[in-house]
Amino acid sequence: MMRRTDTTWAQVKVGVVLIFGIAAILYTIMNLNSGMGVFASAATFQASLDDSQGIKVGAPVRISGVDVGNVKGVLIDPGKGTVILSFTVNTEMRPLLHDDAAIMIRPMGLLGDKYLDLLAGSPKQPPLSDGAVLSGRGDAADITGVAGSATATLQNVDQTLRELKGILANINAGKGTAGKLVTDSTLYDHSAQLIRKVDILSEKTSHLLASIERGDGTVGKLMTDRALYDRATAAVGEMQKLGALLNQPDGTLGKLARDPALYQRLEGVTAKSEALMGKIERGDGTLGKLVNQDQLYKRADKVLSEVEGLIADIKKDPKRYFKFSVF
């Protein structure tokens, strides 16, 4: 019986050693995950923020992506309604913290785990004092917000797809302008006719250009006849000579163009001609009466009629008017 009791006690001792060993291993693993050595000391800090973003006790604390501690507690301040985070930082990292230090809660991945990002602050600021409460806020790029935005975006995409499906259904049914364009064969027939007309016009244009190149017709001769070009060049030369003559001050044309006396004389002649024409129109003078009074016309007509009658009578009986005698 004593041997059985001794064996039981030995087993108890082995069990206790195993329990302490497992606890030590777990403690070591937890400290390694927090970035702290097994026997390293840690400083405890607090931070106040509006939302914990679902961060849990044991979440790592990191400075510039390096694990330096872990979260020890997540509580709500009953008086202010804010979240109070307690976290530890390896004492070796304590000199890096300054008075403007702050925290941010960031996601570790798509699974929703969080970690505490400790912003050390500016080196120009004094070291962080003991008992200071750091300010913090949730990360703007929180995965929850991203998921919410993605959900809203998917809803908008779904709504757009439904509207697009309705538009395509209306088009297939021939509704609206787009539907008629797709389903109405009249537009196709008109387009085909227009294309044929364009082809005919293009063919006629090609024939016309070919005939012009061959020199057929008036346009073709204008484009290809060398003699016409020579005549046009000669005409331009004559015009240039005429311009030179006009520019000569001693010539007749030059004097007509430049001498005001000739112009004044021509203007005087024109005025006298206008006055003469006015008298004729009014019936003044012999010419005026000849032009405007029909009495003279009647008298002249009567005289001519009598002369014609006399000539006819003479032709009929010349002996009546002429007598010939030899002796």
Foldseek 3Di string as FASTA:
>chain_A
DVVVVVVVVVVVVVVVVVVVVVVLVVLQVLCVVQQHHSPFDKDKAKAKEADPQPADFSAFEDEPRHRFWTWHDWDADVVPRIIMTMIIGGPVCQQLAFCQKAWEWEAPDPVRYIHIYIYRDDPVGHGHDPPDYHYYYYDPVHVVVVVVVVVVVVVVVVVVVVVVVVVVVCLCVLPDPNNCVPPPCVVVVVVVVVVVVVVVVVVVVVVVVVCLCVQPDDNSCVVPPPVVVVVVVVVVVVVVVVVVQCVDCPDPNVCVVPPVVVVVVVVVVVVVVVVVVVCLCVLHDPNNCVVPPCVVVVVVVVVVVVVVVVVVVCVVPVCVPDDDDDD
